[in-house]
PDB file of all heavy atoms in Angstrom:
ATOM      1  N   ALA A   1       0.830  -1.205   0.000  1.00  0.00           N
ATOM      2  CA  ALA A   1       0.000   0.000   0.000  1.00  0.00           C
ATOM      3  C   ALA A   1       0.864   1.253   0.000  1.00  0.00           C
ATOM      4  O   ALA A   1       0.585   2.221  -0.718  1.00  0.00           O
ATOM      5  CB  ALA A   1      -0.939  -0.013   1.204  1.00  0.00           C
ATOM      6  N   ARG A   2       1.931   1.253   0.782  1.00  0.00           N
ATOM      7  CA  ARG A   2       2.820   2.422   0.825  1.00  0.00           C
ATOM      8  C   ARG A   2       3.511   2.625  -0.520  1.00  0.00           C
ATOM      9  O   ARG A   2       3.675   3.762  -0.976  1.00  0.00           O
ATOM     10  CB  ARG A   2       3.845   2.234   1.935  1.00  0.00           C
ATOM     11  CG  ARG A   2       3.269   2.258   3.347  1.00  0.00           C
ATOM     12  CD  ARG A   2       4.361   2.038   4.369  1.00  0.00           C
ATOM     13  NE  ARG A   2       5.394   3.059   4.267  1.00  0.00           N
ATOM     14  CZ  ARG A   2       6.631   2.931   4.774  1.00  0.00           C
ATOM     15  NH1 ARG A   2       6.969   1.797   5.380  1.00  0.00           N
ATOM     16  NH2 ARG A   2       7.494   3.909   4.654  1.00  0.00           N
ATOM     17  N   ALA A   3       3.902   1.533  -1.159  1.00  0.00           N
ATOM     18  CA  ALA A   3       4.571   1.642  -2.464  1.00  0.00           C
ATOM     19  C   ALA A   3       3.620   2.176  -3.528  1.00  0.00           C
ATOM     20  O   ALA A   3       3.989   3.026  -4.342  1.00  0.00           O
ATOM     21  CB  ALA A   3       5.121   0.282  -2.880  1.00  0.00           C
ATOM     22  N   MET A   4       2.377   1.698  -3.547  1.00  0.00           N
ATOM     23  CA  MET A   4       1.415   2.135  -4.553  1.00  0.00           C
ATOM     24  C   MET A   4       1.043   3.596  -4.374  1.00  0.00           C
ATOM     25  O   MET A   4       0.672   4.280  -5.332  1.00  0.00           O
ATOM     26  CB  MET A   4       0.166   1.253  -4.506  1.00  0.00           C
ATOM     27  CG  MET A   4       0.429  -0.210  -4.852  1.00  0.00           C
ATOM     28  SD  MET A   4       1.143  -0.434  -6.489  1.00  0.00           S
ATOM     29  CE  MET A   4      -0.279  -0.131  -7.528  1.00  0.00           C
ATOM     30  N   ARG A   5       1.141   4.103  -3.147  1.00  0.00           N
ATOM     31  CA  ARG A   5       0.872   5.526  -2.903  1.00  0.00           C
ATOM     32  C   ARG A   5       2.096   6.390  -3.182  1.00  0.00           C
ATOM     33  O   ARG A   5       2.038   7.610  -3.062  1.00  0.00           O
ATOM     34  CB  ARG A   5       0.416   5.732  -1.453  1.00  0.00           C
ATOM     35  CG  ARG A   5      -0.940   5.131  -1.138  1.00  0.00           C
ATOM     36  CD  ARG A   5      -1.455   5.642   0.202  1.00  0.00           C
ATOM     37  NE  ARG A   5      -0.575   5.293   1.310  1.00  0.00           N
ATOM     38  CZ  ARG A   5      -0.740   4.227   2.084  1.00  0.00           C
ATOM     39  NH1 ARG A   5      -1.743   3.386   1.841  1.00  0.00           N
ATOM     40  NH2 ARG A   5       0.093   3.988   3.088  1.00  0.00           N
ATOM     41  N   GLY A   6       3.206   5.745  -3.542  1.00  0.00           N
ATOM     42  CA  GLY A   6       4.416   6.496  -3.838  1.00  0.00           C
ATOM     43  C   GLY A   6       5.163   6.945  -2.607  1.00  0.00           C
ATOM     44  O   GLY A   6       6.031   7.826  -2.686  1.00  0.00           O
ATOM     45  N   GLU A   7       4.874   6.331  -1.467  1.00  0.00           N
ATOM     46  CA  GLU A   7       5.505   6.747  -0.207  1.00  0.00           C
ATOM     47  C   GLU A   7       6.834   6.057   0.044  1.00  0.00           C
ATOM     48  O   GLU A   7       7.587   6.461   0.936  1.00  0.00           O
ATOM     49  CB  GLU A   7       4.556   6.464   0.956  1.00  0.00           C
ATOM     50  CG  GLU A   7       3.250   7.252   0.884  1.00  0.00           C
ATOM     51  CD  GLU A   7       2.271   6.836   1.959  1.00  0.00           C
ATOM     52  OE1 GLU A   7       2.633   5.937   2.767  1.00  0.00           O
ATOM     53  OE2 GLU A   7       1.166   7.399   2.006  1.00  0.00           O
ATOM     54  N   ILE A   8       7.113   4.996  -0.706  1.00  0.00           N
ATOM     55  CA  ILE A   8       8.349   4.249  -0.529  1.00  0.00           C
ATOM     56  C   ILE A   8       8.832   3.800  -1.897  1.00  0.00           C
ATOM     57  O   ILE A   8       8.018   3.504  -2.784  1.00  0.00           O
ATOM     58  CB  ILE A   8       8.128   3.035   0.415  1.00  0.00           C
ATOM     59  CG1 ILE A   8       9.444   2.294   0.646  1.00  0.00           C
ATOM     60  CG2 ILE A   8       7.065   2.107  -0.125  1.00  0.00           C
ATOM     61  CD1 ILE A   8       9.322   1.176   1.684  1.00  0.00           C
ATOM     62  N   ASP A   9      10.122   3.809  -2.105  1.00  0.00           N
ATOM     63  CA  ASP A   9      10.693   3.403  -3.376  1.00  0.00           C
ATOM     64  C   ASP A   9      10.243   1.987  -3.724  1.00  0.00           C
ATOM     65  O   ASP A   9      10.269   1.081  -2.885  1.00  0.00           O
ATOM     66  CB  ASP A   9      12.224   3.462  -3.290  1.00  0.00           C
ATOM     67  CG  ASP A   9      12.882   2.972  -4.551  1.00  0.00           C
ATOM     68  OD1 ASP A   9      12.938   3.747  -5.522  1.00  0.00           O
ATOM     69  OD2 ASP A   9      13.322   1.812  -4.568  1.00  0.00           O
ATOM     70  N   PHE A  10       9.835   1.809  -4.994  1.00  0.00           N
ATOM     71  CA  PHE A  10       9.275   0.527  -5.400  1.00  0.00           C
ATOM     72  C   PHE A  10      10.279  -0.608  -5.230  1.00  0.00           C
ATOM     73  O   PHE A  10       9.946  -1.682  -4.731  1.00  0.00           O
ATOM     74  CB  PHE A  10       8.786   0.591  -6.845  1.00  0.00           C
ATOM     75  CG  PHE A  10       8.253  -0.729  -7.344  1.00  0.00           C
ATOM     76  CD1 PHE A  10       6.991  -1.169  -6.993  1.00  0.00           C
ATOM     77  CD2 PHE A  10       9.036  -1.557  -8.144  1.00  0.00           C
ATOM     78  CE1 PHE A  10       6.504  -2.389  -7.434  1.00  0.00           C
ATOM     79  CE2 PHE A  10       8.557  -2.783  -8.597  1.00  0.00           C
ATOM     80  CZ  PHE A  10       7.287  -3.188  -8.237  1.00  0.00           C
ATOM     81  N   GLU A  11      11.523  -0.395  -5.663  1.00  0.00           N
ATOM     82  CA  GLU A  11      12.512  -1.474  -5.579  1.00  0.00           C
ATOM     83  C   GLU A  11      12.762  -1.882  -4.136  1.00  0.00           C
ATOM     84  O   GLU A  11      12.818  -3.078  -3.815  1.00  0.00           O
ATOM     85  CB  GLU A  11      13.810  -1.063  -6.246  1.00  0.00           C
ATOM     86  CG  GLU A  11      14.868  -2.166  -6.180  1.00  0.00           C
ATOM     87  CD  GLU A  11      16.112  -1.859  -7.000  1.00  0.00           C
ATOM     88  OE1 GLU A  11      16.083  -0.888  -7.786  1.00  0.00           O
ATOM     89  OE2 GLU A  11      17.098  -2.610  -6.859  1.00  0.00           O
ATOM     90  N   ASP A  12      12.910  -0.893  -3.262  1.00  0.00           N
ATOM     91  CA  ASP A  12      13.128  -1.209  -1.846  1.00  0.00           C
ATOM     92  C   ASP A  12      11.945  -1.991  -1.284  1.00  0.00           C
ATOM     93  O   ASP A  12      12.120  -2.986  -0.560  1.00  0.00           O
ATOM     94  CB  ASP A  12      13.326   0.072  -1.039  1.00  0.00           C
ATOM     95  CG  ASP A  12      14.652   0.759  -1.355  1.00  0.00           C
ATOM     96  OD1 ASP A  12      15.546   0.089  -1.917  1.00  0.00           O
ATOM     97  OD2 ASP A  12      14.782   1.957  -1.042  1.00  0.00           O
ATOM     98  N   SER A  13      10.746  -1.534  -1.620  1.00  0.00           N
ATOM     99  CA  SER A  13       9.563  -2.210  -1.085  1.00  0.00           C
ATOM    100  C   SER A  13       9.461  -3.637  -1.616  1.00  0.00           C
ATOM    101  O   SER A  13       9.072  -4.559  -0.887  1.00  0.00           O
ATOM    102  CB  SER A  13       8.302  -1.429  -1.441  1.00  0.00           C
ATOM    103  OG  SER A  13       7.992  -1.543  -2.822  1.00  0.00           O
ATOM    104  N   LEU A  14       9.814  -3.821  -2.894  1.00  0.00           N
ATOM    105  CA  LEU A  14       9.715  -5.149  -3.476  1.00  0.00           C
ATOM    106  C   LEU A  14      10.693  -6.112  -2.812  1.00  0.00           C
ATOM    107  O   LEU A  14      10.338  -7.251  -2.480  1.00  0.00           O
ATOM    108  CB  LEU A  14       9.970  -5.088  -4.979  1.00  0.00           C
ATOM    109  CG  LEU A  14       9.831  -6.415  -5.725  1.00  0.00           C
ATOM    110  CD1 LEU A  14       8.411  -6.956  -5.597  1.00  0.00           C
ATOM    111  CD2 LEU A  14      10.218  -6.256  -7.192  1.00  0.00           C
ATOM    112  N   ARG A  15      11.911  -5.679  -2.601  1.00  0.00           N
ATOM    113  CA  ARG A  15      12.909  -6.571  -1.979  1.00  0.00           C
ATOM    114  C   ARG A  15      12.507  -6.922  -0.547  1.00  0.00           C
ATOM    115  O   ARG A  15      12.715  -8.052  -0.089  1.00  0.00           O
ATOM    116  CB  ARG A  15      14.291  -5.926  -2.023  1.00  0.00           C
ATOM    117  CG  ARG A  15      14.817  -5.769  -3.448  1.00  0.00           C
ATOM    118  CD  ARG A  15      16.277  -5.351  -3.477  1.00  0.00           C
ATOM    119  NE  ARG A  15      16.730  -5.096  -4.838  1.00  0.00           N
ATOM    120  CZ  ARG A  15      17.089  -6.030  -5.713  1.00  0.00           C
ATOM    121  NH1 ARG A  15      17.053  -7.307  -5.335  1.00  0.00           N
ATOM    122  NH2 ARG A  15      17.505  -5.721  -6.920  1.00  0.00           N
ATOM    123  N   ILE A  16      11.918  -5.962   0.164  1.00  0.00           N
ATOM    124  CA  ILE A  16      11.441  -6.246   1.528  1.00  0.00           C
ATOM    125  C   ILE A  16      10.369  -7.324   1.496  1.00  0.00           C
ATOM    126  O   ILE A  16      10.376  -8.275   2.293  1.00  0.00           O
ATOM    127  CB  ILE A  16      10.888  -4.961   2.176  1.00  0.00           C
ATOM    128  CG1 ILE A  16      12.024  -3.958   2.434  1.00  0.00           C
ATOM    129  CG2 ILE A  16      10.158  -5.286   3.479  1.00  0.00           C
ATOM    130  CD1 ILE A  16      11.533  -2.584   2.865  1.00  0.00           C
ATOM    131  N   ARG A  17       9.453  -7.190   0.569  1.00  0.00           N
ATOM    132  CA  ARG A  17       8.336  -8.140   0.498  1.00  0.00           C
ATOM    133  C   ARG A  17       8.801  -9.516   0.031  1.00  0.00           C
ATOM    134  O   ARG A  17       8.367 -10.551   0.551  1.00  0.00           O
ATOM    135  CB  ARG A  17       7.251  -7.577  -0.430  1.00  0.00           C
ATOM    136  CG  ARG A  17       6.526  -6.383   0.155  1.00  0.00           C
ATOM    137  CD  ARG A  17       5.543  -5.764  -0.831  1.00  0.00           C
ATOM    138  NE  ARG A  17       6.242  -5.071  -1.920  1.00  0.00           N
ATOM    139  CZ  ARG A  17       5.628  -4.548  -2.975  1.00  0.00           C
ATOM    140  NH1 ARG A  17       4.314  -4.679  -3.103  1.00  0.00           N
ATOM    141  NH2 ARG A  17       6.326  -3.922  -3.907  1.00  0.00           N
ATOM    142  N   VAL A  18       9.680  -9.530  -0.970  1.00  0.00           N
ATOM    143  CA  VAL A  18      10.164 -10.813  -1.494  1.00  0.00           C
ATOM    144  C   VAL A  18      10.927 -11.590  -0.428  1.00  0.00           C
ATOM    145  O   VAL A  18      10.864 -12.826  -0.373  1.00  0.00           O
ATOM    146  CB  VAL A  18      11.034 -10.571  -2.745  1.00  0.00           C
ATOM    147  CG1 VAL A  18      11.796 -11.836  -3.128  1.00  0.00           C
ATOM    148  CG2 VAL A  18      10.157 -10.113  -3.918  1.00  0.00           C
ATOM    149  N   ALA A  19      11.644 -10.882   0.427  1.00  0.00           N
ATOM    150  CA  ALA A  19      12.424 -11.553   1.471  1.00  0.00           C
ATOM    151  C   ALA A  19      11.536 -12.392   2.385  1.00  0.00           C
ATOM    152  O   ALA A  19      11.986 -13.416   2.942  1.00  0.00           O
ATOM    153  CB  ALA A  19      13.197 -10.523   2.284  1.00  0.00           C
ATOM    154  N   THR A  20      10.266 -12.004   2.519  1.00  0.00           N
ATOM    155  CA  THR A  20       9.370 -12.754   3.420  1.00  0.00           C
ATOM    156  C   THR A  20       8.913 -14.067   2.798  1.00  0.00           C
ATOM    157  O   THR A  20       8.265 -14.878   3.483  1.00  0.00           O
ATOM    158  CB  THR A  20       8.115 -11.910   3.759  1.00  0.00           C
ATOM    159  OG1 THR A  20       7.271 -11.799   2.609  1.00  0.00           O
ATOM    160  CG2 THR A  20       8.496 -10.527   4.257  1.00  0.00           C
ATOM    161  N   LEU A  21       9.239 -14.292   1.519  1.00  0.00           N
ATOM    162  CA  LEU A  21       8.799 -15.508   0.838  1.00  0.00           C
ATOM    163  C   LEU A  21       9.816 -16.635   0.924  1.00  0.00           C
ATOM    164  O   LEU A  21       9.569 -17.742   0.424  1.00  0.00           O
ATOM    165  CB  LEU A  21       8.512 -15.206  -0.641  1.00  0.00           C
ATOM    166  CG  LEU A  21       7.552 -14.048  -0.933  1.00  0.00           C
ATOM    167  CD1 LEU A  21       7.375 -13.885  -2.442  1.00  0.00           C
ATOM    168  CD2 LEU A  21       6.208 -14.258  -0.252  1.00  0.00           C
ATOM    169  N   ALA A  22      10.968 -16.373   1.517  1.00  0.00           N
ATOM    170  CA  ALA A  22      12.021 -17.384   1.589  1.00  0.00           C
ATOM    171  C   ALA A  22      11.501 -18.671   2.227  1.00  0.00           C
ATOM    172  O   ALA A  22      10.824 -18.651   3.256  1.00  0.00           O
ATOM    173  CB  ALA A  22      13.207 -16.844   2.379  1.00  0.00           C
ATOM    174  N   GLY A  23      11.815 -19.801   1.570  1.00  0.00           N
ATOM    175  CA  GLY A  23      11.444 -21.100   2.100  1.00  0.00           C
ATOM    176  C   GLY A  23      10.189 -21.693   1.483  1.00  0.00           C
ATOM    177  O   GLY A  23       9.900 -22.883   1.699  1.00  0.00           O
ATOM    178  N   LEU A  24       9.430 -20.902   0.708  1.00  0.00           N
ATOM    179  CA  LEU A  24       8.240 -21.456   0.059  1.00  0.00           C
ATOM    180  C   LEU A  24       8.646 -22.437  -1.040  1.00  0.00           C
ATOM    181  O   LEU A  24       9.589 -22.178  -1.799  1.00  0.00           O
ATOM    182  CB  LEU A  24       7.398 -20.334  -0.562  1.00  0.00           C
ATOM    183  CG  LEU A  24       6.511 -19.502   0.365  1.00  0.00           C
ATOM    184  CD1 LEU A  24       5.867 -18.368  -0.432  1.00  0.00           C
ATOM    185  CD2 LEU A  24       5.433 -20.375   1.009  1.00  0.00           C
ATOM    186  N   PRO A  25       7.940 -23.546  -1.200  1.00  0.00           N
ATOM    187  CA  PRO A  25       8.224 -24.472  -2.314  1.00  0.00           C
ATOM    188  C   PRO A  25       7.701 -23.867  -3.617  1.00  0.00           C
ATOM    189  O   PRO A  25       6.721 -23.111  -3.622  1.00  0.00           O
ATOM    190  CB  PRO A  25       7.456 -25.732  -1.928  1.00  0.00           C
ATOM    191  CG  PRO A  25       6.327 -25.239  -1.081  1.00  0.00           C
ATOM    192  CD  PRO A  25       6.873 -24.065  -0.314  1.00  0.00           C
ATOM    193  N   ASP A  26       8.322 -24.207  -4.741  1.00  0.00           N
ATOM    194  CA  ASP A  26       7.898 -23.596  -6.003  1.00  0.00           C
ATOM    195  C   ASP A  26       6.512 -24.065  -6.463  1.00  0.00           C
ATOM    196  O   ASP A  26       5.943 -23.485  -7.389  1.00  0.00           O
ATOM    197  CB  ASP A  26       8.940 -23.816  -7.094  1.00  0.00           C
ATOM    198  CG  ASP A  26       9.202 -25.284  -7.398  1.00  0.00           C
ATOM    199  OD1 ASP A  26       8.513 -26.157  -6.809  1.00  0.00           O
ATOM    200  OD2 ASP A  26      10.094 -25.563  -8.220  1.00  0.00           O
ATOM    201  N   GLU A  27       5.943 -25.079  -5.822  1.00  0.00           N
ATOM    202  CA  GLU A  27       4.566 -25.456  -6.130  1.00  0.00           C
ATOM    203  C   GLU A  27       3.585 -24.332  -5.804  1.00  0.00           C
ATOM    204  O   GLU A  27       2.441 -24.333  -6.274  1.00  0.00           O
ATOM    205  CB  GLU A  27       4.151 -26.702  -5.337  1.00  0.00           C
ATOM    206  CG  GLU A  27       4.798 -27.989  -5.800  1.00  0.00           C
ATOM    207  CD  GLU A  27       6.140 -28.239  -5.099  1.00  0.00           C
ATOM    208  OE1 GLU A  27       6.627 -27.308  -4.382  1.00  0.00           O
ATOM    209  OE2 GLU A  27       6.688 -29.339  -5.264  1.00  0.00           O
ATOM    210  N   VAL A  28       4.054 -23.354  -5.032  1.00  0.00           N
ATOM    211  CA  VAL A  28       3.189 -22.247  -4.647  1.00  0.00           C
ATOM    212  C   VAL A  28       2.728 -21.446  -5.861  1.00  0.00           C
ATOM    213  O   VAL A  28       1.652 -20.845  -5.850  1.00  0.00           O
ATOM    214  CB  VAL A  28       3.921 -21.335  -3.628  1.00  0.00           C
ATOM    215  CG1 VAL A  28       5.009 -20.505  -4.317  1.00  0.00           C
ATOM    216  CG2 VAL A  28       2.927 -20.422  -2.914  1.00  0.00           C
ATOM    217  N   PHE A  29       3.519 -21.445  -6.935  1.00  0.00           N
ATOM    218  CA  PHE A  29       3.130 -20.684  -8.131  1.00  0.00           C
ATOM    219  C   PHE A  29       1.838 -21.239  -8.736  1.00  0.00           C
ATOM    220  O   PHE A  29       0.970 -20.488  -9.172  1.00  0.00           O
ATOM    221  CB  PHE A  29       4.254 -20.695  -9.162  1.00  0.00           C
ATOM    222  CG  PHE A  29       5.521 -20.056  -8.685  1.00  0.00           C
ATOM    223  CD1 PHE A  29       6.741 -20.705  -8.806  1.00  0.00           C
ATOM    224  CD2 PHE A  29       5.502 -18.798  -8.102  1.00  0.00           C
ATOM    225  CE1 PHE A  29       7.914 -20.115  -8.369  1.00  0.00           C
ATOM    226  CE2 PHE A  29       6.667 -18.187  -7.644  1.00  0.00           C
ATOM    227  CZ  PHE A  29       7.880 -18.856  -7.779  1.00  0.00           C
ATOM    228  N   ARG A  30       1.727 -22.567  -8.759  1.00  0.00           N
ATOM    229  CA  ARG A  30       0.517 -23.172  -9.289  1.00  0.00           C
ATOM    230  C   ARG A  30      -0.671 -22.873  -8.371  1.00  0.00           C
ATOM    231  O   ARG A  30      -1.777 -22.583  -8.840  1.00  0.00           O
ATOM    232  CB  ARG A  30       0.712 -24.671  -9.445  1.00  0.00           C
ATOM    233  CG  ARG A  30      -0.466 -25.379 -10.115  1.00  0.00           C
ATOM    234  CD  ARG A  30      -0.153 -26.847 -10.350  1.00  0.00           C
ATOM    235  NE  ARG A  30       1.028 -26.989 -11.177  1.00  0.00           N
ATOM    236  CZ  ARG A  30       1.881 -28.012 -11.105  1.00  0.00           C
ATOM    237  NH1 ARG A  30       1.678 -28.982 -10.226  1.00  0.00           N
ATOM    238  NH2 ARG A  30       2.923 -28.073 -11.908  1.00  0.00           N
ATOM    239  N   THR A  31      -0.447 -22.925  -7.076  1.00  0.00           N
ATOM    240  CA  THR A  31      -1.515 -22.639  -6.113  1.00  0.00           C
ATOM    241  C   THR A  31      -2.032 -21.213  -6.270  1.00  0.00           C
ATOM    242  O   THR A  31      -3.241 -20.970  -6.336  1.00  0.00           O
ATOM    243  CB  THR A  31      -0.998 -22.844  -4.676  1.00  0.00           C
ATOM    244  OG1 THR A  31      -0.552 -24.195  -4.514  1.00  0.00           O
ATOM    245  CG2 THR A  31      -2.098 -22.533  -3.660  1.00  0.00           C
ATOM    246  N   VAL A  32      -1.091 -20.280  -6.346  1.00  0.00           N
ATOM    247  CA  VAL A  32      -1.473 -18.868  -6.462  1.00  0.00           C
ATOM    248  C   VAL A  32      -2.113 -18.589  -7.822  1.00  0.00           C
ATOM    249  O   VAL A  32      -3.076 -17.817  -7.927  1.00  0.00           O
ATOM    250  CB  VAL A  32      -0.240 -17.972  -6.236  1.00  0.00           C
ATOM    251  CG1 VAL A  32      -0.496 -16.548  -6.706  1.00  0.00           C
ATOM    252  CG2 VAL A  32       0.135 -17.970  -4.757  1.00  0.00           C
ATOM    253  N   GLY A  33      -1.588 -19.231  -8.864  1.00  0.00           N
ATOM    254  CA  GLY A  33      -2.163 -19.030 -10.197  1.00  0.00           C
ATOM    255  C   GLY A  33      -3.631 -19.403 -10.244  1.00  0.00           C
ATOM    256  O   GLY A  33      -4.431 -18.759 -10.936  1.00  0.00           O
ATOM    257  N   ALA A  34      -4.008 -20.419  -9.503  1.00  0.00           N
ATOM    258  CA  ALA A  34      -5.407 -20.858  -9.474  1.00  0.00           C
ATOM    259  C   ALA A  34      -6.290 -19.902  -8.683  1.00  0.00           C
ATOM    260  O   ALA A  34      -7.518 -19.915  -8.827  1.00  0.00           O
ATOM    261  CB  ALA A  34      -5.499 -22.262  -8.879  1.00  0.00           C
ATOM    262  N   GLN A  35      -5.682 -19.062  -7.853  1.00  0.00           N
ATOM    263  CA  GLN A  35      -6.450 -18.124  -7.031  1.00  0.00           C
ATOM    264  C   GLN A  35      -6.692 -16.779  -7.715  1.00  0.00           C
ATOM    265  O   GLN A  35      -7.537 -15.995  -7.278  1.00  0.00           O
ATOM    266  CB  GLN A  35      -5.706 -17.865  -5.711  1.00  0.00           C
ATOM    267  CG  GLN A  35      -5.565 -19.094  -4.835  1.00  0.00           C
ATOM    268  CD  GLN A  35      -4.673 -18.830  -3.625  1.00  0.00           C
ATOM    269  OE1 GLN A  35      -3.961 -17.821  -3.561  1.00  0.00           O
ATOM    270  NE2 GLN A  35      -4.711 -19.749  -2.663  1.00  0.00           N
ATOM    271  N   ILE A  36      -5.969 -16.504  -8.781  1.00  0.00           N
ATOM    272  CA  ILE A  36      -6.054 -15.202  -9.438  1.00  0.00           C
ATOM    273  C   ILE A  36      -7.450 -14.961 -10.004  1.00  0.00           C
ATOM    274  O   ILE A  36      -8.051 -15.839 -10.616  1.00  0.00           O
ATOM    275  CB  ILE A  36      -5.000 -15.103 -10.561  1.00  0.00           C
ATOM    276  CG1 ILE A  36      -3.601 -14.932  -9.935  1.00  0.00           C
ATOM    277  CG2 ILE A  36      -5.300 -13.967 -11.518  1.00  0.00           C
ATOM    278  CD1 ILE A  36      -2.489 -14.927 -10.943  1.00  0.00           C
ATOM    279  N   ARG A  37      -7.938 -13.733  -9.806  1.00  0.00           N
ATOM    280  CA  ARG A  37      -9.244 -13.328 -10.330  1.00  0.00           C
ATOM    281  C   ARG A  37      -9.041 -12.240 -11.386  1.00  0.00           C
ATOM    282  O   ARG A  37      -8.499 -11.173 -11.077  1.00  0.00           O
ATOM    283  CB  ARG A  37     -10.128 -12.785  -9.214  1.00  0.00           C
ATOM    284  CG  ARG A  37     -10.409 -13.765  -8.083  1.00  0.00           C
ATOM    285  CD  ARG A  37     -10.966 -13.018  -6.883  1.00  0.00           C
ATOM    286  NE  ARG A  37     -10.010 -12.043  -6.377  1.00  0.00           N
ATOM    287  CZ  ARG A  37     -10.340 -11.009  -5.599  1.00  0.00           C
ATOM    288  NH1 ARG A  37     -11.601 -10.816  -5.255  1.00  0.00           N
ATOM    289  NH2 ARG A  37      -9.416 -10.166  -5.177  1.00  0.00           N
ATOM    290  N   LEU A  38      -9.447 -12.536 -12.598  1.00  0.00           N
ATOM    291  CA  LEU A  38      -9.357 -11.520 -13.640  1.00  0.00           C
ATOM    292  C   LEU A  38     -10.298 -10.360 -13.322  1.00  0.00           C
ATOM    293  O   LEU A  38     -11.371 -10.552 -12.741  1.00  0.00           O
ATOM    294  CB  LEU A  38      -9.744 -12.111 -14.996  1.00  0.00           C
ATOM    295  CG  LEU A  38      -8.726 -13.037 -15.672  1.00  0.00           C
ATOM    296  CD1 LEU A  38      -9.369 -13.692 -16.901  1.00  0.00           C
ATOM    297  CD2 LEU A  38      -7.473 -12.270 -16.081  1.00  0.00           C
TER     298      LEU A  38
END
């Protein structure tokens, strides 16, 4: 939310968020893909 409002640099915010995903199995991509709503 802070990044989309322009309150924090996008790259910094992205790296912070990606770091929280460490340890997830790559099967998660299929799981998340099935949850996407057009």
